[in-house]
């Protein structure tokens, strides 16, 4: 038996009426979410009386959603194809074996232009490599004669960066590339993938062994035991930060010993957008930009700044062996907390509603950072020698000469000598 449909009218601040339909039994909240209508953008009336978003929509009731703000939400959602039946027809007629790249641009007058390009899957690697080269050159991330170190976990993101750098070398300024993988933080299959892919692509690669990492921090046991102690005391949200700090410090120390000062990380577009959201929420600057930033004596670069995780996944599906394009579940230590999940949800949702939002946001952040002349002070931790930001969240200067990671390791009793 077909479900009964409920008639819905949305009225905007220009007194225009827009007819929509809901299924009987559907909640107002579910309907709003499915139609990309923000909860706080409308007042809901059922049969003339105001109701909240938790009521169910039943046949015979008349629902009117009144917009409370004067912006052209219906026009925008139709432009994105979120409402119209024409969009469904377009989707059915499109090549199912293709990828659609969408970016919403605005001209000087504020008018929007939604640019779309369909790329057949068999042509996708060429498209993405061309796009990668363009985004690297646009931000001058690689200069002639650059000596670049790659942080290579063996996961899909850093592996994609390895493939892209290796396969587009002849299209970029000449550079040398060396990769390292920090053991104890990646699963064993990922370690094998990192080594095999590097060898296949002709990129020098080494491992930093777990015992070497433990020695950098002066741990009394293994890296895994230290992370387990932090997880028990501080929870997942802080533990994932420690995982990243351990990896970054090990990478820094290795490349410092090899006179390499430019380090490439595989943070992709959504990673960086979530970092921007985290920076705004916590009041902690990310650095000069989301393309590159100074980090003590190092320059950290993010060549994947313009490329999404979905695009990286499609790319590896075509150019890499199946064992290199798969991705396992995260470990107990790099899962992160619900706050991280929300930040990624917001980042993904922004990109859906405003395709290409991140490009505007990254550019705007860099301008704000430069105009505000934000001073970020780095120093070396007296225990691990890793670089860290000296200012605390409360803007007080650090007085212990210790990075936050070593303070936490000391708090859980995982440092051999204590500090």
Protein backbone atom coordinates (compact mmCIF):
# COMPACT_ATOMS: atom_id res chain seq x y z
CA UNK A 1 0.00 0.00 0.00
CA UNK A 2 1.46 3.35 -1.03
CA UNK A 3 2.12 5.83 1.77
CA UNK A 4 -0.21 8.83 1.95
CA UNK A 5 1.33 12.17 0.98
CA UNK A 6 0.89 15.35 3.00
CA UNK A 7 0.75 18.74 1.32
CA UNK A 8 3.19 21.31 2.67
CA UNK A 9 3.50 25.00 1.78
CA UNK A 10 6.65 26.99 2.52
CA UNK A 11 6.20 30.77 2.47
CA UNK A 12 9.24 33.01 2.21
CA UNK A 13 9.68 36.63 3.29
CA UNK A 14 8.75 37.77 -0.21
CA UNK A 15 5.30 36.19 0.35
CA UNK A 16 5.99 33.55 -2.29
CA UNK A 17 4.48 30.11 -1.73
CA UNK A 18 6.40 26.94 -2.53
CA UNK A 19 4.58 23.61 -2.62
CA UNK A 20 6.32 20.56 -1.19
CA UNK A 21 5.19 17.08 -0.16
CA UNK A 22 5.84 14.90 2.86
CA UNK A 23 4.98 11.32 3.67
CA UNK A 24 2.24 10.74 6.24
CA UNK A 25 3.77 9.81 9.57
CA UNK A 26 6.99 11.69 8.90
CA UNK A 27 8.08 14.10 11.62
CA UNK A 28 8.48 17.78 10.81
CA UNK A 29 12.12 17.54 11.92
CA UNK A 30 12.82 14.65 9.51
CA UNK A 31 11.11 16.53 6.69
CA UNK A 32 13.18 19.67 7.30
CA UNK A 33 16.42 17.70 7.37
CA UNK A 34 15.59 15.83 4.18
CA UNK A 35 14.84 19.12 2.40
CA UNK A 36 17.92 20.94 3.76
CA UNK A 37 15.76 23.49 5.57
CA UNK A 38 17.44 24.70 8.81
CA UNK A 39 15.33 24.10 11.92
CA UNK A 40 15.61 27.71 13.06
CA UNK A 41 14.77 29.13 9.64
CA UNK A 42 11.03 28.46 9.84
CA UNK A 43 7.96 28.65 12.08
CA UNK A 44 5.72 25.61 11.60
CA UNK A 45 1.93 25.90 11.63
CA UNK A 46 -0.41 22.90 11.62
CA UNK A 47 -3.96 23.89 10.73
CA UNK A 48 -3.12 27.50 11.60
CA UNK A 49 -1.56 26.82 15.03
CA UNK A 50 2.16 26.93 15.78
CA UNK A 51 3.68 23.52 16.59
CA UNK A 52 7.23 22.35 17.19
CA UNK A 53 9.34 20.22 14.88
CA UNK A 54 8.65 16.96 16.76
CA UNK A 55 5.03 16.56 15.62
CA UNK A 56 4.12 13.98 13.02
CA UNK A 57 2.64 15.04 9.70
CA UNK A 58 -0.62 13.20 8.99
CA UNK A 59 -2.98 13.25 6.03
CA UNK A 60 -5.75 15.84 6.24
CA UNK A 61 -3.57 18.32 8.14
CA UNK A 62 -2.46 21.56 6.53
CA UNK A 63 1.17 22.46 7.19
CA UNK A 64 2.61 25.87 6.49
CA UNK A 65 6.30 26.60 7.07
CA UNK A 66 6.92 30.33 7.39
CA UNK A 67 10.48 31.53 6.84
CA UNK A 68 11.64 33.88 9.57
CA UNK A 69 14.58 35.35 7.69
CA UNK A 70 14.70 37.18 4.36
CA UNK A 71 16.98 35.14 2.16
CA UNK A 72 16.23 33.14 -0.95
CA UNK A 73 16.49 29.65 0.54
CA UNK A 74 14.09 28.01 -1.97
CA UNK A 75 15.91 29.51 -4.96
CA UNK A 76 19.27 28.40 -3.60
CA UNK A 77 18.12 24.84 -2.91
CA UNK A 78 16.59 24.56 -6.37
CA UNK A 79 19.84 25.85 -7.89
CA UNK A 80 21.66 23.03 -6.09
CA UNK A 81 19.09 20.50 -7.29
CA UNK A 82 17.94 19.68 -3.75
CA UNK A 83 14.20 20.17 -4.45
CA UNK A 84 13.29 19.88 -8.09
CA UNK A 85 12.03 16.88 -10.01
CA UNK A 86 14.21 18.13 -12.86
CA UNK A 87 17.22 17.26 -10.74
CA UNK A 88 15.97 13.67 -10.40
CA UNK A 89 15.58 13.43 -14.18
CA UNK A 90 19.08 14.84 -14.60
CA UNK A 91 20.48 12.28 -12.17
CA UNK A 92 18.79 9.40 -13.99
CA UNK A 93 20.06 10.54 -17.40
CA UNK A 94 23.64 11.18 -16.23
CA UNK A 95 26.38 8.61 -16.82
CA UNK A 96 26.33 6.42 -13.69
CA UNK A 97 30.06 5.74 -14.12
CA UNK A 98 31.17 9.33 -13.77
CA UNK A 99 32.09 11.83 -11.08
CA UNK A 100 30.55 15.30 -10.87
CA UNK A 101 32.75 18.14 -9.64
CA UNK A 102 30.66 21.06 -8.39
CA UNK A 103 31.81 24.50 -7.25
CA UNK A 104 29.59 27.46 -6.38
CA UNK A 105 31.22 30.78 -7.27
CA UNK A 106 30.02 34.34 -6.71
CA UNK A 107 30.70 37.35 -8.88
CA UNK A 108 31.45 40.86 -7.61
CA UNK A 109 27.72 41.59 -7.39
CA UNK A 110 27.09 38.55 -5.22
CA UNK A 111 25.30 36.50 -7.87
CA UNK A 112 25.92 32.76 -7.75
CA UNK A 113 27.13 30.50 -10.52
CA UNK A 114 27.10 26.74 -9.94
CA UNK A 115 29.81 25.22 -12.14
CA UNK A 116 29.58 21.48 -12.81
CA UNK A 117 31.84 19.11 -14.67
CA UNK A 118 31.22 15.41 -15.24
CA UNK A 119 34.32 13.23 -15.46
CA UNK A 120 34.02 9.57 -16.58
CA UNK A 121 35.70 7.26 -14.09
CA UNK A 122 38.24 6.03 -16.65
CA UNK A 123 39.38 9.64 -17.14
CA UNK A 124 39.32 10.51 -13.46
CA UNK A 125 43.03 9.90 -12.63
CA UNK A 126 44.12 12.27 -15.39
CA UNK A 127 41.59 14.86 -14.19
CA UNK A 128 42.67 14.63 -10.54
CA UNK A 129 46.38 14.72 -11.34
CA UNK A 130 45.84 17.83 -13.45
CA UNK A 131 43.79 19.38 -10.64
CA UNK A 132 46.47 18.43 -8.09
CA UNK A 133 49.26 20.03 -10.12
CA UNK A 134 47.19 23.18 -10.60
CA UNK A 135 46.44 23.50 -6.85
CA UNK A 136 50.09 22.91 -5.89
CA UNK A 137 51.35 25.45 -8.41
CA UNK A 138 48.66 27.98 -7.52
CA UNK A 139 49.97 28.13 -3.94
CA UNK A 140 53.64 27.57 -4.88
CA UNK A 141 53.89 24.68 -2.44
CA UNK A 142 56.81 23.13 -4.29
CA UNK A 143 59.73 25.24 -5.45
CA UNK A 144 62.55 24.31 -7.79
CA UNK A 145 65.03 22.12 -5.93
CA UNK A 146 62.76 21.47 -2.94
CA UNK A 147 63.80 18.62 -0.67
CA UNK A 148 60.51 17.24 0.63
CA UNK A 149 59.84 14.77 3.40
CA UNK A 150 56.54 12.89 3.32
CA UNK A 151 54.75 11.70 6.45
CA UNK A 152 53.45 8.35 5.17
CA UNK A 153 51.19 6.38 7.50
CA UNK A 154 50.10 3.89 4.84
CA UNK A 155 46.50 5.05 5.15
CA UNK A 156 44.48 6.21 2.19
CA UNK A 157 45.21 9.94 2.53
CA UNK A 158 49.00 9.93 2.77
CA UNK A 159 49.14 7.08 0.26
CA UNK A 160 47.17 9.15 -2.25
CA UNK A 161 49.62 11.99 -1.75
CA UNK A 162 52.51 9.62 -2.41
CA UNK A 163 50.90 8.45 -5.67
CA UNK A 164 50.06 11.98 -6.79
CA UNK A 165 53.54 13.36 -6.08
CA UNK A 166 55.24 10.41 -7.75
CA UNK A 167 52.99 10.34 -10.83
CA UNK A 168 53.09 14.12 -11.48
CA UNK A 169 56.77 14.81 -10.83
CA UNK A 170 57.44 15.77 -14.44
CA UNK A 171 54.65 18.40 -14.27
CA UNK A 172 55.95 20.13 -11.12
CA UNK A 173 59.16 22.00 -10.28
CA UNK A 174 61.96 19.49 -9.70
CA UNK A 175 62.10 18.14 -6.16
CA UNK A 176 63.44 15.23 -4.15
CA UNK A 177 61.06 13.12 -2.08
CA UNK A 178 61.64 10.82 0.86
CA UNK A 179 58.97 9.09 2.92
CA UNK A 180 58.95 7.76 6.47
CA UNK A 181 56.41 5.74 8.40
CA UNK A 182 56.17 5.83 12.18
CA UNK A 183 55.64 2.32 13.57
CA UNK A 184 53.40 1.72 16.55
CA UNK A 185 50.76 4.15 15.26
CA UNK A 186 49.64 2.32 12.10
CA UNK A 187 48.21 -1.15 11.58
CA UNK A 188 50.59 -3.79 10.23
CA UNK A 189 48.90 -3.98 6.79
CA UNK A 190 49.33 -0.21 6.43
CA UNK A 191 53.05 -0.51 7.14
CA UNK A 192 53.40 -3.05 4.35
CA UNK A 193 51.40 -0.87 1.96
CA UNK A 194 53.59 2.16 2.73
CA UNK A 195 56.77 0.21 2.03
CA UNK A 196 55.50 -1.57 -1.10
CA UNK A 197 53.96 1.53 -2.67
CA UNK A 198 57.12 3.56 -2.06
CA UNK A 199 59.27 0.88 -3.69
CA UNK A 200 56.92 0.53 -6.66
CA UNK A 201 56.91 4.30 -7.21
CA UNK A 202 60.65 4.70 -6.77
CA UNK A 203 60.45 6.84 -3.63
CA UNK A 204 63.03 6.27 -0.85
CA UNK A 205 61.31 5.14 2.34
CA UNK A 206 62.23 4.22 5.89
CA UNK A 207 60.51 3.19 9.10
CA UNK A 208 60.88 4.83 12.48
CA UNK A 209 60.62 1.78 14.73
CA UNK A 210 58.40 1.70 17.82
CA UNK A 211 61.36 1.42 20.17
CA UNK A 212 62.91 4.47 18.52
CA UNK A 213 59.70 6.44 19.08
CA UNK A 214 59.62 5.36 22.73
CA UNK A 215 63.22 6.53 23.06
CA UNK A 216 62.40 9.98 21.66
CA UNK A 217 59.99 10.58 24.53
CA UNK A 218 61.84 8.63 27.22
CA UNK A 219 58.91 6.28 27.78
CA UNK A 220 59.16 3.63 30.45
CA UNK A 221 57.28 1.19 28.22
CA UNK A 222 55.94 0.99 24.68
CA UNK A 223 54.09 3.63 22.67
CA UNK A 224 50.95 1.47 22.76
CA UNK A 225 51.10 1.24 26.58
CA UNK A 226 51.49 5.01 26.87
CA UNK A 227 48.52 5.65 24.58
CA UNK A 228 46.42 3.14 26.50
CA UNK A 229 47.19 4.98 29.75
CA UNK A 230 46.23 8.32 28.15
CA UNK A 231 43.03 6.80 26.75
CA UNK A 232 42.00 5.53 30.19
CA UNK A 233 42.65 8.84 31.94
CA UNK A 234 41.76 11.47 29.34
CA UNK A 235 39.45 9.75 26.82
CA UNK A 236 39.38 9.46 23.05
CA UNK A 237 39.33 13.16 22.16
CA UNK A 238 42.71 13.85 23.78
CA UNK A 239 44.19 10.49 22.78
CA UNK A 240 43.86 11.16 19.06
CA UNK A 241 45.65 14.48 19.57
CA UNK A 242 48.46 12.56 21.27
CA UNK A 243 48.65 10.10 18.36
CA UNK A 244 49.08 12.99 15.93
CA UNK A 245 51.65 14.70 18.19
CA UNK A 246 53.72 11.52 18.55
CA UNK A 247 53.71 10.96 14.80
CA UNK A 248 54.55 14.58 14.02
CA UNK A 249 57.39 14.71 16.55
CA UNK A 250 58.92 11.48 15.24
CA UNK A 251 58.66 12.83 11.68
CA UNK A 252 60.26 16.14 12.70
CA UNK A 253 63.16 14.49 14.48
CA UNK A 254 63.86 12.13 11.58
CA UNK A 255 63.80 14.85 8.93
CA UNK A 256 65.83 17.25 11.09
CA UNK A 257 68.55 14.57 11.22
CA UNK A 258 68.42 14.35 7.42
CA UNK A 259 68.52 18.14 6.87
CA UNK A 260 64.97 18.17 5.42
CA UNK A 261 62.92 21.19 6.43
CA UNK A 262 59.85 20.91 4.16
CA UNK A 263 57.43 18.23 5.32
CA UNK A 264 54.28 17.24 3.39
CA UNK A 265 51.26 15.88 5.23
CA UNK A 266 48.26 14.14 3.66
CA UNK A 267 45.53 16.30 5.16
CA UNK A 268 42.84 16.59 2.50
CA UNK A 269 40.20 19.26 1.93
CA UNK A 270 37.71 18.14 4.59
CA UNK A 271 40.49 17.51 7.12
CA UNK A 272 41.61 21.10 6.73
CA UNK A 273 38.07 22.50 6.75
CA UNK A 274 37.35 20.61 9.99
CA UNK A 275 40.60 22.05 11.37
CA UNK A 276 39.38 25.54 10.47
CA UNK A 277 36.12 24.88 12.32
CA UNK A 278 38.11 23.55 15.30
CA UNK A 279 40.30 26.65 15.20
CA UNK A 280 37.26 28.95 15.31
CA UNK A 281 35.58 26.99 18.11
CA UNK A 282 38.69 26.70 20.28
CA UNK A 283 40.18 30.09 19.48
CA UNK A 284 43.52 28.56 18.48
CA UNK A 285 45.04 29.63 15.14
CA UNK A 286 45.97 26.82 12.76
CA UNK A 287 48.88 28.75 11.32
CA UNK A 288 49.43 31.22 8.49
CA UNK A 289 47.22 29.29 6.08
CA UNK A 290 45.67 25.95 5.25
CA UNK A 291 48.08 25.51 2.34
CA UNK A 292 51.31 25.78 4.31
CA UNK A 293 52.50 26.99 7.68
CA UNK A 294 55.71 27.63 9.60
CA UNK A 295 56.39 25.16 12.39
CA UNK A 296 59.57 26.06 14.23
CA UNK A 297 62.42 25.40 11.78
CA UNK A 298 60.09 23.50 9.43
CA UNK A 299 57.64 24.42 6.71
CA UNK A 300 54.63 22.11 6.71
CA UNK A 301 52.79 21.86 3.40
CA UNK A 302 49.37 20.43 2.57
CA UNK A 303 49.35 19.60 -1.16
CA UNK A 304 45.91 17.94 -0.91
CA UNK A 305 44.23 21.14 0.29
CA UNK A 306 41.91 21.31 -2.74
CA UNK A 307 41.07 17.59 -3.01
CA UNK A 308 38.31 15.79 -1.09
CA UNK A 309 38.49 12.38 0.55
CA UNK A 310 35.94 11.05 -1.94
CA UNK A 311 38.14 12.18 -4.82
CA UNK A 312 41.21 10.52 -3.25
CA UNK A 313 39.27 7.30 -2.77
CA UNK A 314 38.11 7.23 -6.41
CA UNK A 315 41.66 8.00 -7.54
CA UNK A 316 43.22 5.09 -5.63
CA UNK A 317 40.49 2.75 -6.89
CA UNK A 318 41.84 3.28 -10.41
CA UNK A 319 45.60 3.81 -10.05
CA UNK A 320 46.50 1.55 -7.11
CA UNK A 321 46.31 -2.20 -6.46
CA UNK A 322 43.22 -3.29 -4.46
CA UNK A 323 45.33 -3.78 -1.33
CA UNK A 324 46.40 -0.13 -1.55
CA UNK A 325 42.96 1.36 -2.15
CA UNK A 326 41.16 -0.33 0.74
CA UNK A 327 40.94 1.27 4.15
CA UNK A 328 40.47 -0.47 7.47
CA UNK A 329 38.68 0.82 10.54
CA UNK A 330 40.52 3.23 12.86
CA UNK A 331 42.38 1.94 15.90
CA UNK A 332 41.19 2.60 19.44
CA UNK A 333 43.67 5.48 19.66
CA UNK A 334 42.88 7.43 16.48
CA UNK A 335 39.08 7.25 16.61
CA UNK A 336 38.63 10.64 18.28
CA UNK A 337 35.65 11.88 20.29
CA UNK A 338 32.14 13.01 19.31
CA UNK A 339 33.36 16.61 18.99
CA UNK A 340 35.56 15.52 16.10
CA UNK A 341 32.61 13.73 14.49
CA UNK A 342 30.51 16.90 14.67
CA UNK A 343 33.31 18.97 13.14
CA UNK A 344 33.52 16.59 10.17
CA UNK A 345 29.72 16.52 9.83
CA UNK A 346 29.63 20.32 9.72
CA UNK A 347 32.50 20.40 7.21
CA UNK A 348 30.82 17.84 4.92
CA UNK A 349 27.43 19.55 5.22
CA UNK A 350 28.87 22.95 4.37
CA UNK A 351 30.46 21.48 1.24
CA UNK A 352 27.13 19.93 0.23
CA UNK A 353 25.14 23.14 0.67
CA UNK A 354 27.90 25.37 -0.69
CA UNK A 355 30.07 23.32 -3.07
CA UNK A 356 33.58 24.73 -2.86
CA UNK A 357 32.95 26.56 0.42
CA UNK A 358 36.37 25.48 1.68
CA UNK A 359 38.16 27.35 -1.12
CA UNK A 360 36.54 30.61 -0.02
CA UNK A 361 37.08 29.82 3.68
CA UNK A 362 40.80 29.02 3.31
CA UNK A 363 41.40 32.21 1.34
CA UNK A 364 39.45 34.28 3.87
CA UNK A 365 41.29 32.76 6.83
CA UNK A 366 44.68 33.55 5.29
CA UNK A 367 43.66 37.18 4.73
CA UNK A 368 42.39 37.52 8.30
CA UNK A 369 45.52 35.95 9.74
CA UNK A 370 47.76 38.27 7.73
CA UNK A 371 45.78 41.44 8.46
CA UNK A 372 45.56 40.67 12.17
CA UNK A 373 49.32 40.04 12.27
CA UNK A 374 48.79 37.05 14.55
CA UNK A 375 52.04 36.05 16.23
CA UNK A 376 52.37 32.30 16.84
CA UNK A 377 55.39 31.46 18.97
CA UNK A 378 56.99 28.04 18.68
CA UNK A 379 59.58 26.42 20.88
CA UNK A 380 61.17 23.02 21.36
CA UNK A 381 59.97 20.77 24.17
CA UNK A 382 62.77 20.14 26.68
CA UNK A 383 61.81 16.47 26.89
CA UNK A 384 61.06 15.24 23.33
CA UNK A 385 62.60 18.20 21.43
CA UNK A 386 59.43 18.40 19.35
CA UNK A 387 58.07 21.76 18.18
CA UNK A 388 54.98 23.09 19.92
CA UNK A 389 53.01 26.34 20.21
CA UNK A 390 54.18 28.16 23.34
CA UNK A 391 50.92 30.06 23.98
CA UNK A 392 48.19 28.34 25.96
CA UNK A 393 44.48 28.63 25.20
CA UNK A 394 44.22 31.32 27.91
CA UNK A 395 46.98 33.28 26.09
CA UNK A 396 49.38 32.70 28.99
CA UNK A 397 52.96 31.91 28.07
CA UNK A 398 54.10 28.35 28.71
CA UNK A 399 56.48 28.23 31.66
CA UNK A 400 57.32 24.53 31.79
CA UNK A 401 59.10 24.28 28.43
CA UNK A 402 57.08 21.13 27.83
CA UNK A 403 54.72 20.27 25.00
CA UNK A 404 51.18 19.27 25.96
CA UNK A 405 51.88 15.67 24.96
CA UNK A 406 54.82 15.29 27.36
CA UNK A 407 52.78 16.90 30.14
CA UNK A 408 50.10 14.24 29.58
CA UNK A 409 52.64 11.43 29.41
CA UNK A 410 54.05 12.63 32.72
CA UNK A 411 50.56 12.90 34.23
CA UNK A 412 49.87 9.21 33.53
CA UNK A 413 53.31 8.12 34.74
CA UNK A 414 54.56 6.91 31.35
CA UNK A 415 57.87 8.80 31.33
CA UNK A 416 60.80 6.75 32.59
CA UNK A 417 62.35 9.53 34.71
CA UNK A 418 59.44 11.89 35.21
CA UNK A 419 59.76 15.62 34.63
